[in-house]
Each structure stands twice: as C-alpha cells, then as structure tokens.
PDB file of N, CA and C in Angstrom:
ATOM      1  N   UNK A   1     -13.864  -2.197 -10.318  1.00  0.00           N
ATOM      2  CA  UNK A   1     -12.947  -3.302 -10.496  1.00  0.00           C
ATOM      3  C   UNK A   1     -13.422  -4.464  -9.634  1.00  0.00           C
ATOM      4  N   UNK A   2     -13.605  -5.646 -10.222  1.00  0.00           N
ATOM      5  CA  UNK A   2     -14.060  -6.791  -9.439  1.00  0.00           C
ATOM      6  C   UNK A   2     -12.879  -7.480  -8.750  1.00  0.00           C
ATOM      7  N   UNK A   3     -13.186  -8.478  -7.924  1.00  0.00           N
ATOM      8  CA  UNK A   3     -12.161  -9.145  -7.103  1.00  0.00           C
ATOM      9  C   UNK A   3     -11.055  -9.763  -7.959  1.00  0.00           C
ATOM     10  N   UNK A   4     -11.412 -10.461  -9.040  1.00  0.00           N
ATOM     11  CA  UNK A   4     -10.429 -11.101  -9.902  1.00  0.00           C
ATOM     12  C   UNK A   4      -9.522 -10.072 -10.562  1.00  0.00           C
ATOM     13  N   UNK A   5     -10.096  -8.987 -11.056  1.00  0.00           N
ATOM     14  CA  UNK A   5      -9.291  -7.920 -11.663  1.00  0.00           C
ATOM     15  C   UNK A   5      -8.349  -7.303 -10.640  1.00  0.00           C
ATOM     16  N   UNK A   6      -8.843  -7.111  -9.414  1.00  0.00           N
ATOM     17  CA  UNK A   6      -8.015  -6.537  -8.355  1.00  0.00           C
ATOM     18  C   UNK A   6      -6.833  -7.442  -8.059  1.00  0.00           C
ATOM     19  N   UNK A   7      -7.070  -8.755  -7.927  1.00  0.00           N
ATOM     20  CA  UNK A   7      -5.976  -9.684  -7.652  1.00  0.00           C
ATOM     21  C   UNK A   7      -4.959  -9.690  -8.779  1.00  0.00           C
ATOM     22  N   UNK A   8      -5.407  -9.685 -10.026  1.00  0.00           N
ATOM     23  CA  UNK A   8      -4.483  -9.640 -11.164  1.00  0.00           C
ATOM     24  C   UNK A   8      -3.678  -8.353 -11.155  1.00  0.00           C
ATOM     25  N   UNK A   9      -4.318  -7.249 -10.802  1.00  0.00           N
ATOM     26  CA  UNK A   9      -3.627  -5.965 -10.750  1.00  0.00           C
ATOM     27  C   UNK A   9      -2.594  -5.967  -9.634  1.00  0.00           C
ATOM     28  N   UNK A  10      -2.942  -6.487  -8.452  1.00  0.00           N
ATOM     29  CA  UNK A  10      -1.977  -6.578  -7.357  1.00  0.00           C
ATOM     30  C   UNK A  10      -0.792  -7.436  -7.770  1.00  0.00           C
ATOM     31  N   UNK A  11      -1.060  -8.545  -8.449  1.00  0.00           N
ATOM     32  CA  UNK A  11       0.030  -9.407  -8.910  1.00  0.00           C
ATOM     33  C   UNK A  11       0.933  -8.695  -9.904  1.00  0.00           C
ATOM     34  N   UNK A  12       0.369  -7.823 -10.717  1.00  0.00           N
ATOM     35  CA  UNK A  12       1.166  -7.146 -11.742  1.00  0.00           C
ATOM     36  C   UNK A  12       2.149  -6.139 -11.152  1.00  0.00           C
ATOM     37  N   UNK A  13       1.920  -5.672  -9.922  1.00  0.00           N
ATOM     38  CA  UNK A  13       2.837  -4.706  -9.300  1.00  0.00           C
ATOM     39  C   UNK A  13       3.609  -5.323  -8.137  1.00  0.00           C
ATOM     40  N   UNK A  14       3.514  -6.624  -7.992  1.00  0.00           N
ATOM     41  CA  UNK A  14       4.225  -7.332  -6.923  1.00  0.00           C
ATOM     42  C   UNK A  14       5.723  -7.366  -7.238  1.00  0.00           C
ATOM     43  N   UNK A  15       6.526  -7.182  -6.206  1.00  0.00           N
ATOM     44  CA  UNK A  15       7.980  -7.262  -6.317  1.00  0.00           C
ATOM     45  C   UNK A  15       8.458  -8.392  -5.409  1.00  0.00           C
ATOM     46  N   UNK A  16       9.651  -8.881  -5.662  1.00  0.00           N
ATOM     47  CA  UNK A  16      10.249  -9.918  -4.824  1.00  0.00           C
ATOM     48  C   UNK A  16      11.674  -9.495  -4.499  1.00  0.00           C
ATOM     49  N   UNK A  17      12.021  -9.547  -3.205  1.00  0.00           N
ATOM     50  CA  UNK A  17      13.382  -9.158  -2.820  1.00  0.00           C
ATOM     51  C   UNK A  17      14.346 -10.330  -3.004  1.00  0.00           C
ATOM     52  N   UNK A  18      15.594 -10.103  -2.652  1.00  0.00           N
ATOM     53  CA  UNK A  18      16.639 -11.119  -2.856  1.00  0.00           C
ATOM     54  C   UNK A  18      16.450 -12.374  -2.006  1.00  0.00           C
ATOM     55  N   UNK A  19      15.572 -12.304  -1.002  1.00  0.00           N
ATOM     56  CA  UNK A  19      15.300 -13.450  -0.145  1.00  0.00           C
ATOM     57  C   UNK A  19      14.013 -14.172  -0.525  1.00  0.00           C
ATOM     58  N   UNK A  20      13.359 -13.713  -1.593  1.00  0.00           N
ATOM     59  CA  UNK A  20      12.123 -14.328  -2.057  1.00  0.00           C
ATOM     60  C   UNK A  20      10.868 -13.785  -1.396  1.00  0.00           C
ATOM     61  N   UNK A  21      11.007 -12.729  -0.587  1.00  0.00           N
ATOM     62  CA  UNK A  21       9.848 -12.118   0.068  1.00  0.00           C
ATOM     63  C   UNK A  21       9.108 -11.212  -0.914  1.00  0.00           C
ATOM     64  N   UNK A  22       7.806 -11.359  -0.971  1.00  0.00           N
ATOM     65  CA  UNK A  22       6.992 -10.514  -1.844  1.00  0.00           C
ATOM     66  C   UNK A  22       6.681  -9.199  -1.140  1.00  0.00           C
ATOM     67  N   UNK A  23       6.664  -8.117  -1.929  1.00  0.00           N
ATOM     68  CA  UNK A  23       6.288  -6.829  -1.365  1.00  0.00           C
ATOM     69  C   UNK A  23       5.701  -5.945  -2.456  1.00  0.00           C
ATOM     70  N   UNK A  24       5.030  -4.876  -2.011  1.00  0.00           N
ATOM     71  CA  UNK A  24       4.396  -3.907  -2.903  1.00  0.00           C
ATOM     72  C   UNK A  24       4.800  -2.515  -2.450  1.00  0.00           C
ATOM     73  N   UNK A  25       4.916  -1.588  -3.402  1.00  0.00           N
ATOM     74  CA  UNK A  25       5.182  -0.190  -3.079  1.00  0.00           C
ATOM     75  C   UNK A  25       3.860   0.568  -2.970  1.00  0.00           C
ATOM     76  N   UNK A  26       3.764   1.425  -1.957  1.00  0.00           N
ATOM     77  CA  UNK A  26       2.531   2.195  -1.750  1.00  0.00           C
ATOM     78  C   UNK A  26       2.189   3.112  -2.913  1.00  0.00           C
ATOM     79  N   UNK A  27       3.181   3.707  -3.532  1.00  0.00           N
ATOM     80  CA  UNK A  27       2.874   4.621  -4.640  1.00  0.00           C
ATOM     81  C   UNK A  27       2.274   3.865  -5.823  1.00  0.00           C
ATOM     82  N   UNK A  28       2.627   2.620  -6.007  1.00  0.00           N
ATOM     83  CA  UNK A  28       1.999   1.797  -7.042  1.00  0.00           C
ATOM     84  C   UNK A  28       0.600   1.382  -6.615  1.00  0.00           C
ATOM     85  N   UNK A  29       0.445   1.054  -5.315  1.00  0.00           N
ATOM     86  CA  UNK A  29      -0.885   0.728  -4.790  1.00  0.00           C
ATOM     87  C   UNK A  29      -1.817   1.929  -4.904  1.00  0.00           C
ATOM     88  N   UNK A  30      -1.288   3.118  -4.646  1.00  0.00           N
ATOM     89  CA  UNK A  30      -2.077   4.346  -4.751  1.00  0.00           C
ATOM     90  C   UNK A  30      -2.723   4.442  -6.129  1.00  0.00           C
ATOM     91  N   UNK A  31      -1.959   4.148  -7.152  1.00  0.00           N
ATOM     92  CA  UNK A  31      -2.471   4.262  -8.517  1.00  0.00           C
ATOM     93  C   UNK A  31      -3.559   3.232  -8.805  1.00  0.00           C
ATOM     94  N   UNK A  32      -3.332   1.972  -8.411  1.00  0.00           N
ATOM     95  CA  UNK A  32      -4.343   0.960  -8.752  1.00  0.00           C
ATOM     96  C   UNK A  32      -5.596   1.080  -7.890  1.00  0.00           C
ATOM     97  N   UNK A  33      -5.460   1.710  -6.709  1.00  0.00           N
ATOM     98  CA  UNK A  33      -6.638   1.963  -5.875  1.00  0.00           C
ATOM     99  C   UNK A  33      -7.285   3.294  -6.221  1.00  0.00           C
ATOM    100  N   UNK A  34      -6.749   3.942  -7.243  1.00  0.00           N
ATOM    101  CA  UNK A  34      -7.339   5.136  -7.846  1.00  0.00           C
ATOM    102  C   UNK A  34      -7.340   6.358  -6.936  1.00  0.00           C
ATOM    103  N   UNK A  35      -6.295   6.511  -6.135  1.00  0.00           N
ATOM    104  CA  UNK A  35      -6.132   7.729  -5.344  1.00  0.00           C
ATOM    105  C   UNK A  35      -5.282   8.695  -6.144  1.00  0.00           C
ATOM    106  N   UNK A  36      -5.785   9.892  -6.367  1.00  0.00           N
ATOM    107  CA  UNK A  36      -5.085  10.883  -7.183  1.00  0.00           C
ATOM    108  C   UNK A  36      -3.955  11.570  -6.424  1.00  0.00           C
ATOM    109  N   UNK A  37      -4.156  11.798  -5.135  1.00  0.00           N
ATOM    110  CA  UNK A  37      -3.184  12.545  -4.340  1.00  0.00           C
ATOM    111  C   UNK A  37      -2.553  11.660  -3.274  1.00  0.00           C
ATOM    112  N   UNK A  38      -1.224  11.748  -3.179  1.00  0.00           N
ATOM    113  CA  UNK A  38      -0.474  11.002  -2.175  1.00  0.00           C
ATOM    114  C   UNK A  38      -0.945  11.374  -0.768  1.00  0.00           C
ATOM    115  N   UNK A  39      -1.237  12.651  -0.539  1.00  0.00           N
ATOM    116  CA  UNK A  39      -1.677  13.104   0.782  1.00  0.00           C
ATOM    117  C   UNK A  39      -2.945  12.369   1.222  1.00  0.00           C
ATOM    118  N   UNK A  40      -3.858  12.128   0.298  1.00  0.00           N
ATOM    119  CA  UNK A  40      -5.087  11.415   0.644  1.00  0.00           C
ATOM    120  C   UNK A  40      -4.819   9.927   0.860  1.00  0.00           C
ATOM    121  N   UNK A  41      -3.921   9.362   0.071  1.00  0.00           N
ATOM    122  CA  UNK A  41      -3.606   7.947   0.229  1.00  0.00           C
ATOM    123  C   UNK A  41      -2.841   7.693   1.522  1.00  0.00           C
ATOM    124  N   UNK A  42      -2.081   8.684   1.982  1.00  0.00           N
ATOM    125  CA  UNK A  42      -1.363   8.525   3.249  1.00  0.00           C
ATOM    126  C   UNK A  42      -2.333   8.277   4.401  1.00  0.00           C
ATOM    127  N   UNK A  43      -3.548   8.803   4.314  1.00  0.00           N
ATOM    128  CA  UNK A  43      -4.557   8.543   5.343  1.00  0.00           C
ATOM    129  C   UNK A  43      -4.932   7.069   5.359  1.00  0.00           C
ATOM    130  N   UNK A  44      -5.008   6.463   4.186  1.00  0.00           N
ATOM    131  CA  UNK A  44      -5.287   5.028   4.083  1.00  0.00           C
ATOM    132  C   UNK A  44      -4.119   4.235   4.663  1.00  0.00           C
ATOM    133  N   UNK A  45      -2.905   4.671   4.384  1.00  0.00           N
ATOM    134  CA  UNK A  45      -1.719   3.999   4.915  1.00  0.00           C
ATOM    135  C   UNK A  45      -1.732   4.019   6.441  1.00  0.00           C
ATOM    136  N   UNK A  46      -2.036   5.183   7.014  1.00  0.00           N
ATOM    137  CA  UNK A  46      -2.060   5.300   8.485  1.00  0.00           C
ATOM    138  C   UNK A  46      -3.135   4.392   9.093  1.00  0.00           C
ATOM    139  N   UNK A  47      -4.286   4.308   8.457  1.00  0.00           N
ATOM    140  CA  UNK A  47      -5.351   3.423   8.937  1.00  0.00           C
ATOM    141  C   UNK A  47      -4.919   1.969   8.831  1.00  0.00           C
ATOM    142  N   UNK A  48      -4.253   1.614   7.738  1.00  0.00           N
ATOM    143  CA  UNK A  48      -3.750   0.248   7.557  1.00  0.00           C
ATOM    144  C   UNK A  48      -2.690  -0.093   8.594  1.00  0.00           C
ATOM    145  N   UNK A  49      -1.852   0.885   8.935  1.00  0.00           N
ATOM    146  CA  UNK A  49      -0.841   0.664   9.967  1.00  0.00           C
ATOM    147  C   UNK A  49      -1.497   0.360  11.312  1.00  0.00           C
ATOM    148  N   UNK A  50      -2.529   1.119  11.639  1.00  0.00           N
ATOM    149  CA  UNK A  50      -3.236   0.883  12.906  1.00  0.00           C
ATOM    150  C   UNK A  50      -3.882  -0.490  12.924  1.00  0.00           C
ATOM    151  N   UNK A  51      -4.493  -0.880  11.816  1.00  0.00           N
ATOM    152  CA  UNK A  51      -5.124  -2.199  11.725  1.00  0.00           C
ATOM    153  C   UNK A  51      -4.076  -3.298  11.863  1.00  0.00           C
ATOM    154  N   UNK A  52      -2.937  -3.096  11.258  1.00  0.00           N
ATOM    155  CA  UNK A  52      -1.838  -4.053  11.333  1.00  0.00           C
ATOM    156  C   UNK A  52      -1.360  -4.197  12.779  1.00  0.00           C
ATOM    157  N   UNK A  53      -1.145  -3.074  13.426  1.00  0.00           N
ATOM    158  CA  UNK A  53      -0.696  -3.081  14.818  1.00  0.00           C
ATOM    159  C   UNK A  53      -1.736  -3.741  15.725  1.00  0.00           C
ATOM    160  N   UNK A  54      -3.016  -3.451  15.494  1.00  0.00           N
ATOM    161  CA  UNK A  54      -4.089  -4.052  16.289  1.00  0.00           C
ATOM    162  C   UNK A  54      -4.171  -5.563  16.111  1.00  0.00           C
ATOM    163  N   UNK A  55      -3.633  -6.059  14.995  1.00  0.00           N
ATOM    164  CA  UNK A  55      -3.615  -7.504  14.739  1.00  0.00           C
ATOM    165  C   UNK A  55      -2.378  -8.175  15.319  1.00  0.00           C
ATOM    166  N   UNK A  56      -1.525  -7.389  15.977  1.00  0.00           N
ATOM    167  CA  UNK A  56      -0.351  -7.934  16.623  1.00  0.00           C
ATOM    168  C   UNK A  56       0.899  -7.984  15.766  1.00  0.00           C
ATOM    169  N   UNK A  57       0.872  -7.358  14.604  1.00  0.00           N
ATOM    170  CA  UNK A  57       2.033  -7.328  13.720  1.00  0.00           C
ATOM    171  C   UNK A  57       2.818  -6.034  13.919  1.00  0.00           C
ATOM    172  N   UNK A  58       4.113  -6.119  13.717  1.00  0.00           N
ATOM    173  CA  UNK A  58       4.979  -4.949  13.836  1.00  0.00           C
ATOM    174  C   UNK A  58       4.832  -4.061  12.598  1.00  0.00           C
ATOM    175  N   UNK A  59       4.513  -2.798  12.825  1.00  0.00           N
ATOM    176  CA  UNK A  59       4.391  -1.847  11.718  1.00  0.00           C
ATOM    177  C   UNK A  59       5.723  -1.734  10.981  1.00  0.00           C
ATOM    178  N   UNK A  60       6.829  -1.720  11.729  1.00  0.00           N
ATOM    179  CA  UNK A  60       8.145  -1.563  11.107  1.00  0.00           C
ATOM    180  C   UNK A  60       8.523  -2.739  10.217  1.00  0.00           C
ATOM    181  N   UNK A  61       7.958  -3.904  10.472  1.00  0.00           N
ATOM    182  CA  UNK A  61       8.227  -5.064   9.630  1.00  0.00           C
ATOM    183  C   UNK A  61       7.284  -5.118   8.433  1.00  0.00           C
ATOM    184  N   UNK A  62       6.092  -4.588   8.574  1.00  0.00           N
ATOM    185  CA  UNK A  62       5.086  -4.671   7.519  1.00  0.00           C
ATOM    186  C   UNK A  62       5.116  -3.466   6.571  1.00  0.00           C
ATOM    187  N   UNK A  63       5.577  -2.307   7.061  1.00  0.00           N
ATOM    188  CA  UNK A  63       5.639  -1.071   6.277  1.00  0.00           C
ATOM    189  C   UNK A  63       7.053  -0.510   6.374  1.00  0.00           C
ATOM    190  N   UNK A  64       7.882  -0.825   5.412  1.00  0.00           N
ATOM    191  CA  UNK A  64       9.265  -0.364   5.422  1.00  0.00           C
ATOM    192  C   UNK A  64       9.359   0.962   4.683  1.00  0.00           C
ATOM    193  N   UNK A  65       9.799   1.997   5.389  1.00  0.00           N
ATOM    194  CA  UNK A  65       9.938   3.336   4.803  1.00  0.00           C
ATOM    195  C   UNK A  65      11.126   3.327   3.842  1.00  0.00           C
ATOM    196  N   UNK A  66      10.892   3.727   2.600  1.00  0.00           N
ATOM    197  CA  UNK A  66      11.951   3.765   1.587  1.00  0.00           C
ATOM    198  C   UNK A  66      11.913   5.092   0.853  1.00  0.00           C
ATOM    199  N   UNK A  67      13.011   5.446   0.240  1.00  0.00           N
ATOM    200  CA  UNK A  67      13.102   6.629  -0.616  1.00  0.00           C
ATOM    201  C   UNK A  67      13.335   6.136  -2.031  1.00  0.00           C
ATOM    202  N   UNK A  68      12.580   6.705  -2.959  1.00  0.00           N
ATOM    203  CA  UNK A  68      12.710   6.315  -4.358  1.00  0.00           C
ATOM    204  C   UNK A  68      12.865   7.555  -5.224  1.00  0.00           C
ATOM    205  N   UNK A  69      13.615   7.414  -6.287  1.00  0.00           N
ATOM    206  CA  UNK A  69      13.707   8.499  -7.254  1.00  0.00           C
ATOM    207  C   UNK A  69      12.423   8.549  -8.062  1.00  0.00           C
ATOM    208  N   UNK A  70      11.935   9.741  -8.303  1.00  0.00           N
ATOM    209  CA  UNK A  70      10.728   9.897  -9.105  1.00  0.00           C
ATOM    210  C   UNK A  70      10.910  11.046 -10.086  1.00  0.00           C
ATOM    211  N   UNK A  71      10.005  11.132 -11.036  1.00  0.00           N
ATOM    212  CA  UNK A  71      10.087  12.192 -12.044  1.00  0.00           C
ATOM    213  C   UNK A  71       9.843  13.566 -11.436  1.00  0.00           C
ATOM    214  N   UNK A  72       8.955  13.631 -10.449  1.00  0.00           N
ATOM    215  CA  UNK A  72       8.594  14.914  -9.840  1.00  0.00           C
ATOM    216  C   UNK A  72       9.499  15.307  -8.680  1.00  0.00           C
ATOM    217  N   UNK A  73       9.952  14.302  -7.941  1.00  0.00           N
ATOM    218  CA  UNK A  73      10.668  14.560  -6.702  1.00  0.00           C
ATOM    219  C   UNK A  73      11.902  13.660  -6.673  1.00  0.00           C
ATOM    220  N   UNK A  74      13.072  14.238  -6.500  1.00  0.00           N
ATOM    221  CA  UNK A  74      14.303  13.451  -6.515  1.00  0.00           C
ATOM    222  C   UNK A  74      14.365  12.409  -5.405  1.00  0.00           C
ATOM    223  N   UNK A  75      13.657  12.619  -4.323  1.00  0.00           N
ATOM    224  CA  UNK A  75      13.740  11.724  -3.177  1.00  0.00           C
ATOM    225  C   UNK A  75      12.340  11.500  -2.599  1.00  0.00           C
ATOM    226  N   UNK A  76      11.501  10.803  -3.328  1.00  0.00           N
ATOM    227  CA  UNK A  76      10.100  10.628  -2.934  1.00  0.00           C
ATOM    228  C   UNK A  76       9.965   9.601  -1.806  1.00  0.00           C
ATOM    229  N   UNK A  77       9.091   9.910  -0.865  1.00  0.00           N
ATOM    230  CA  UNK A  77       8.781   9.005   0.224  1.00  0.00           C
ATOM    231  C   UNK A  77       7.880   7.881  -0.302  1.00  0.00           C
ATOM    232  N   UNK A  78       8.135   6.661   0.129  1.00  0.00           N
ATOM    233  CA  UNK A  78       7.315   5.521  -0.262  1.00  0.00           C
ATOM    234  C   UNK A  78       7.416   4.480   0.842  1.00  0.00           C
ATOM    235  N   UNK A  79       6.603   3.448   0.761  1.00  0.00           N
ATOM    236  CA  UNK A  79       6.669   2.330   1.689  1.00  0.00           C
ATOM    237  C   UNK A  79       6.679   1.039   0.909  1.00  0.00           C
ATOM    238  N   UNK A  80       7.445   0.075   1.418  1.00  0.00           N
ATOM    239  CA  UNK A  80       7.371  -1.289   0.917  1.00  0.00           C
ATOM    240  C   UNK A  80       6.436  -2.024   1.876  1.00  0.00           C
ATOM    241  N   UNK A  81       5.440  -2.701   1.327  1.00  0.00           N
ATOM    242  CA  UNK A  81       4.463  -3.413   2.141  1.00  0.00           C
ATOM    243  C   UNK A  81       4.607  -4.907   1.971  1.00  0.00           C
ATOM    244  N   UNK A  82       4.489  -5.613   3.080  1.00  0.00           N
ATOM    245  CA  UNK A  82       4.499  -7.071   3.022  1.00  0.00           C
ATOM    246  C   UNK A  82       3.191  -7.576   2.424  1.00  0.00           C
ATOM    247  N   UNK A  83       3.168  -8.821   2.054  1.00  0.00           N
ATOM    248  CA  UNK A  83       1.944  -9.430   1.565  1.00  0.00           C
ATOM    249  C   UNK A  83       0.840  -9.376   2.601  1.00  0.00           C
ATOM    250  N   UNK A  84       1.204  -9.511   3.881  1.00  0.00           N
ATOM    251  CA  UNK A  84       0.190  -9.443   4.926  1.00  0.00           C
ATOM    252  C   UNK A  84      -0.513  -8.096   4.923  1.00  0.00           C
ATOM    253  N   UNK A  85       0.265  -7.020   4.928  1.00  0.00           N
ATOM    254  CA  UNK A  85      -0.352  -5.694   5.015  1.00  0.00           C
ATOM    255  C   UNK A  85      -1.195  -5.382   3.790  1.00  0.00           C
ATOM    256  N   UNK A  86      -0.783  -5.849   2.629  1.00  0.00           N
ATOM    257  CA  UNK A  86      -1.568  -5.605   1.418  1.00  0.00           C
ATOM    258  C   UNK A  86      -2.828  -6.458   1.421  1.00  0.00           C
ATOM    259  N   UNK A  87      -2.676  -7.754   1.578  1.00  0.00           N
ATOM    260  CA  UNK A  87      -3.812  -8.668   1.467  1.00  0.00           C
ATOM    261  C   UNK A  87      -4.832  -8.525   2.580  1.00  0.00           C
ATOM    262  N   UNK A  88      -4.375  -8.288   3.785  1.00  0.00           N
ATOM    263  CA  UNK A  88      -5.289  -8.259   4.912  1.00  0.00           C
ATOM    264  C   UNK A  88      -5.873  -6.890   5.209  1.00  0.00           C
ATOM    265  N   UNK A  89      -5.184  -5.828   4.794  1.00  0.00           N
ATOM    266  CA  UNK A  89      -5.632  -4.512   5.209  1.00  0.00           C
ATOM    267  C   UNK A  89      -5.962  -3.541   4.087  1.00  0.00           C
ATOM    268  N   UNK A  90      -5.121  -3.416   3.101  1.00  0.00           N
ATOM    269  CA  UNK A  90      -5.328  -2.356   2.118  1.00  0.00           C
ATOM    270  C   UNK A  90      -6.647  -2.458   1.382  1.00  0.00           C
ATOM    271  N   UNK A  91      -7.047  -3.640   0.980  1.00  0.00           N
ATOM    272  CA  UNK A  91      -8.302  -3.769   0.236  1.00  0.00           C
ATOM    273  C   UNK A  91      -9.479  -3.389   1.131  1.00  0.00           C
ATOM    274  N   UNK A  92      -9.498  -3.904   2.363  1.00  0.00           N
ATOM    275  CA  UNK A  92     -10.592  -3.583   3.277  1.00  0.00           C
ATOM    276  C   UNK A  92     -10.565  -2.119   3.695  1.00  0.00           C
ATOM    277  N   UNK A  93      -9.382  -1.604   4.000  1.00  0.00           N
ATOM    278  CA  UNK A  93      -9.259  -0.203   4.416  1.00  0.00           C
ATOM    279  C   UNK A  93      -9.698   0.713   3.288  1.00  0.00           C
ATOM    280  N   UNK A  94      -9.329   0.377   2.049  1.00  0.00           N
ATOM    281  CA  UNK A  94      -9.725   1.211   0.914  1.00  0.00           C
ATOM    282  C   UNK A  94     -11.241   1.251   0.776  1.00  0.00           C
ATOM    283  N   UNK A  95     -11.902   0.123   0.955  1.00  0.00           N
ATOM    284  CA  UNK A  95     -13.366   0.091   0.847  1.00  0.00           C
ATOM    285  C   UNK A  95     -13.999   1.013   1.890  1.00  0.00           C
ATOM    286  N   UNK A  96     -13.485   0.964   3.112  1.00  0.00           N
ATOM    287  CA  UNK A  96     -14.021   1.815   4.173  1.00  0.00           C
ATOM    288  C   UNK A  96     -13.673   3.277   3.934  1.00  0.00           C
ATOM    289  N   UNK A  97     -12.452   3.531   3.488  1.00  0.00           N
ATOM    290  CA  UNK A  97     -11.988   4.902   3.325  1.00  0.00           C
ATOM    291  C   UNK A  97     -12.693   5.643   2.215  1.00  0.00           C
ATOM    292  N   UNK A  98     -13.153   4.937   1.199  1.00  0.00           N
ATOM    293  CA  UNK A  98     -13.826   5.604   0.095  1.00  0.00           C
ATOM    294  C   UNK A  98     -15.036   6.401   0.572  1.00  0.00           C
ATOM    295  N   UNK A  99     -15.589   5.995   1.705  1.00  0.00           N
ATOM    296  CA  UNK A  99     -16.733   6.710   2.252  1.00  0.00           C
ATOM    297  C   UNK A  99     -16.319   8.001   2.936  1.00  0.00           C
ATOM    298  N   UNK A 100     -15.053   8.079   3.382  1.00  0.00           N
ATOM    299  CA  UNK A 100     -14.650   9.179   4.251  1.00  0.00           C
ATOM    300  C   UNK A 100     -13.507  10.045   3.742  1.00  0.00           C
ATOM    301  N   UNK A 101     -12.735   9.561   2.774  1.00  0.00           N
ATOM    302  CA  UNK A 101     -11.550  10.279   2.331  1.00  0.00           C
ATOM    303  C   UNK A 101     -11.697  10.662   0.863  1.00  0.00           C
ATOM    304  N   UNK A 102     -11.457  11.915   0.578  1.00  0.00           N
ATOM    305  CA  UNK A 102     -11.487  12.390  -0.788  1.00  0.00           C
ATOM    306  C   UNK A 102     -10.263  11.860  -1.514  1.00  0.00           C
ATOM    307  N   UNK A 103     -10.467  11.348  -2.718  1.00  0.00           N
ATOM    308  CA  UNK A 103      -9.343  10.830  -3.486  1.00  0.00           C
ATOM    309  C   UNK A 103      -8.727  11.963  -4.253  1.00  0.00           C
TER     310      UNK A 103
END
C-alpha cells in the first residue's frame, strides 16, 4: 500500500466525536495495517504508547481504553486514538514492527 492509499484508508475509518475531535479505533487500524491477530497488534499499540509518552504526550489522552460490542466477544477491548497517535506513531511503528512482530 503506498502513502496516498494509506492516507485514504485512514480517512475512511476516521471518526469524529461530539466535540469535533477526530479519532480512530485500534481494531479498525489493525485491519488496515494487515495484522491478523489482536495479540500481535497489541505489541504495536504498546510500542506506540511508549513513543507517545517519550514525545511528552499523555498516553491516557492519546489512547482511550473503550469497550465495544463485537460479533465474537460481547465486550471487546479497543482503544480510541487521537490524530496525533495515529499520524505520528502508528505508521512508523508499523514499519519497524513488521521486521520483528509476526502478524
């Protein structure tokens, strides 16, 4: 997937809250970044959290823990991500992680 396709894909799963803040759900990001297992994608999330914290941003503000209903699990764990955490970390972290984490 090239850069333009990636940006269009990120835009297609973007959500906006009642205050106009943009956010993305990790389980949707998992799919477009082609991770088959949530357990493997959680490693990317943890790395992104560390990168976010190292940049001086609050993890609790950038990664909001949410519960969502899903077909497989009545109460699935997910995260809402700010635009900062998605744009600044997930794409770069995914590129690095592909070398080290099995999808």
